Amino acid sequence: MPVVFRYHGYRGWFYEADLAEPPHIHVGKEGKEAKYWLAPIRLARAGRFNDQDLRDVERILRKFQDDILTKWEEEKTKYANG
């Protein structure tokens, strides 16, 4: 489970088993975990985050969307090549 970013207490990661799905990221903080689709950015699962946290996460994802998508493709390629 590679951590893709750490920002303002949040961290984002991919699960290797999820790489066959469309691009998405799991974001966690303080024991909470949300899932966001990346293209376009939209909430897939809120976990236990409140609305303000979810807005913060979405702003972070918009700021780093290109970098995160690049990492997704790198991980997907690495996973496919074993």
C-alpha atoms as a PDB file:
ATOM      1  CA  MET A   1       0.000   0.000   0.000  1.00  0.00           C
ATOM      2  CA  PRO A   2       2.134   2.892  -1.233  1.00  0.00           C
ATOM      3  CA  VAL A   3       1.461   6.249   0.408  1.00  0.00           C
ATOM      4  CA  VAL A   4       1.154   8.793  -2.387  1.00  0.00           C
ATOM      5  CA  PHE A   5       0.941  11.965  -0.317  1.00  0.00           C
ATOM      6  CA  ARG A   6       0.948  13.370   3.193  1.00  0.00           C
ATOM      7  CA  TYR A   7      -0.558  16.823   3.542  1.00  0.00           C
ATOM      8  CA  HIS A   8      -2.001  18.663   6.569  1.00  0.00           C
ATOM      9  CA  GLY A   9      -2.374  15.441   8.516  1.00  0.00           C
ATOM     10  CA  TYR A  10      -4.038  13.585   5.652  1.00  0.00           C
ATOM     11  CA  ARG A  11      -2.395  10.770   3.764  1.00  0.00           C
ATOM     12  CA  GLY A  12      -3.414   9.208   0.484  1.00  0.00           C
ATOM     13  CA  TRP A  13      -2.682   5.715  -0.761  1.00  0.00           C
ATOM     14  CA  PHE A  14      -3.617   3.036  -3.264  1.00  0.00           C
ATOM     15  CA  TYR A  15      -4.388  -0.595  -2.532  1.00  0.00           C
ATOM     16  CA  GLU A  16      -2.590  -2.895  -4.949  1.00  0.00           C
ATOM     17  CA  ALA A  17      -5.699  -5.068  -5.309  1.00  0.00           C
ATOM     18  CA  ASP A  18      -7.707  -2.018  -6.485  1.00  0.00           C
ATOM     19  CA  LEU A  19      -5.511  -1.176  -9.472  1.00  0.00           C
ATOM     20  CA  ALA A  20      -7.913  -2.920 -11.874  1.00  0.00           C
ATOM     21  CA  GLU A  21     -10.586  -0.351 -10.933  1.00  0.00           C
ATOM     22  CA  PRO A  22     -10.771   3.155 -12.415  1.00  0.00           C
ATOM     23  CA  PRO A  23      -8.243   5.592 -10.869  1.00  0.00           C
ATOM     24  CA  HIS A  24      -9.051   6.341  -7.249  1.00  0.00           C
ATOM     25  CA  ILE A  25      -7.351   7.051  -3.959  1.00  0.00           C
ATOM     26  CA  HIS A  26      -7.992   6.246  -0.327  1.00  0.00           C
ATOM     27  CA  VAL A  27      -7.462   9.154   2.056  1.00  0.00           C
ATOM     28  CA  GLY A  28      -7.075   8.771   5.786  1.00  0.00           C
ATOM     29  CA  LYS A  29      -6.662  10.812   8.922  1.00  0.00           C
ATOM     30  CA  GLU A  30      -7.120   9.933  12.596  1.00  0.00           C
ATOM     31  CA  GLY A  31      -8.501   6.465  11.890  1.00  0.00           C
ATOM     32  CA  LYS A  32     -10.971   7.647   9.240  1.00  0.00           C
ATOM     33  CA  GLU A  33     -10.812   6.589   5.595  1.00  0.00           C
ATOM     34  CA  ALA A  34     -12.563   7.961   2.506  1.00  0.00           C
ATOM     35  CA  LYS A  35     -12.343   6.891  -1.118  1.00  0.00           C
ATOM     36  CA  TYR A  36     -12.331   9.308  -4.060  1.00  0.00           C
ATOM     37  CA  TRP A  37     -12.472   8.707  -7.783  1.00  0.00           C
ATOM     38  CA  LEU A  38      -9.796  10.767  -9.523  1.00  0.00           C
ATOM     39  CA  ALA A  39     -11.001  11.454 -13.053  1.00  0.00           C
ATOM     40  CA  PRO A  40     -13.124  13.412 -12.394  1.00  0.00           C
ATOM     41  CA  ILE A  41     -12.628  13.905  -8.671  1.00  0.00           C
ATOM     42  CA  ARG A  42     -15.721  12.766  -6.819  1.00  0.00           C
ATOM     43  CA  LEU A  43     -16.454  11.110  -3.528  1.00  0.00           C
ATOM     44  CA  ALA A  44     -16.938   7.345  -3.678  1.00  0.00           C
ATOM     45  CA  ARG A  45     -17.183   6.657   0.071  1.00  0.00           C
ATOM     46  CA  ALA A  46     -17.052   9.169   2.929  1.00  0.00           C
ATOM     47  CA  GLY A  47     -16.026   6.823   5.691  1.00  0.00           C
ATOM     48  CA  ARG A  48     -16.517   8.702   8.950  1.00  0.00           C
ATOM     49  CA  PHE A  49     -15.253  12.078   7.716  1.00  0.00           C
ATOM     50  CA  ASN A  50     -17.448  15.118   8.320  1.00  0.00           C
ATOM     51  CA  ASP A  51     -18.423  17.516   5.522  1.00  0.00           C
ATOM     52  CA  GLN A  52     -15.616  20.001   6.284  1.00  0.00           C
ATOM     53  CA  ASP A  53     -12.983  17.252   6.181  1.00  0.00           C
ATOM     54  CA  LEU A  54     -14.372  16.004   2.872  1.00  0.00           C
ATOM     55  CA  ARG A  55     -14.166  19.525   1.399  1.00  0.00           C
ATOM     56  CA  ASP A  56     -10.565  19.790   2.639  1.00  0.00           C
ATOM     57  CA  VAL A  57      -9.684  16.444   1.058  1.00  0.00           C
ATOM     58  CA  GLU A  58     -11.282  17.421  -2.232  1.00  0.00           C
ATOM     59  CA  ARG A  59      -9.254  20.666  -2.323  1.00  0.00           C
ATOM     60  CA  ILE A  60      -6.069  18.684  -1.682  1.00  0.00           C
ATOM     61  CA  LEU A  61      -6.914  16.196  -4.434  1.00  0.00           C
ATOM     62  CA  ARG A  62      -7.631  18.994  -6.909  1.00  0.00           C
ATOM     63  CA  LYS A  63      -4.306  20.618  -6.055  1.00  0.00           C
ATOM     64  CA  PHE A  64      -2.333  17.400  -6.627  1.00  0.00           C
ATOM     65  CA  GLN A  65      -4.593  15.600  -9.116  1.00  0.00           C
ATOM     66  CA  ASP A  66      -2.042  15.391 -11.949  1.00  0.00           C
ATOM     67  CA  ASP A  67       0.689  14.077  -9.660  1.00  0.00           C
ATOM     68  CA  ILE A  68      -1.654  11.524  -8.087  1.00  0.00           C
ATOM     69  CA  LEU A  69      -2.836  10.273 -11.484  1.00  0.00           C
ATOM     70  CA  THR A  70       0.790   9.909 -12.585  1.00  0.00           C
ATOM     71  CA  LYS A  71       1.502   7.840  -9.471  1.00  0.00           C
ATOM     72  CA  TRP A  72      -1.599   5.722 -10.173  1.00  0.00           C
ATOM     73  CA  GLU A  73      -0.292   4.882 -13.647  1.00  0.00           C
ATOM     74  CA  GLU A  74       3.182   4.104 -12.273  1.00  0.00           C
ATOM     75  CA  GLU A  75       1.734   1.735  -9.652  1.00  0.00           C
ATOM     76  CA  LYS A  76      -0.577   0.114 -12.178  1.00  0.00           C
ATOM     77  CA  THR A  77       2.356  -0.506 -14.544  1.00  0.00           C
ATOM     78  CA  LYS A  78       4.503  -1.851 -11.718  1.00  0.00           C
ATOM     79  CA  TYR A  79       1.688  -4.165 -10.600  1.00  0.00           C
ATOM     80  CA  ALA A  80       1.040  -5.394 -14.152  1.00  0.00           C
ATOM     81  CA  ASN A  81       4.726  -6.162 -14.710  1.00  0.00           C
ATOM     82  CA  GLY A  82       4.937  -8.092 -11.440  1.00  0.00           C
END
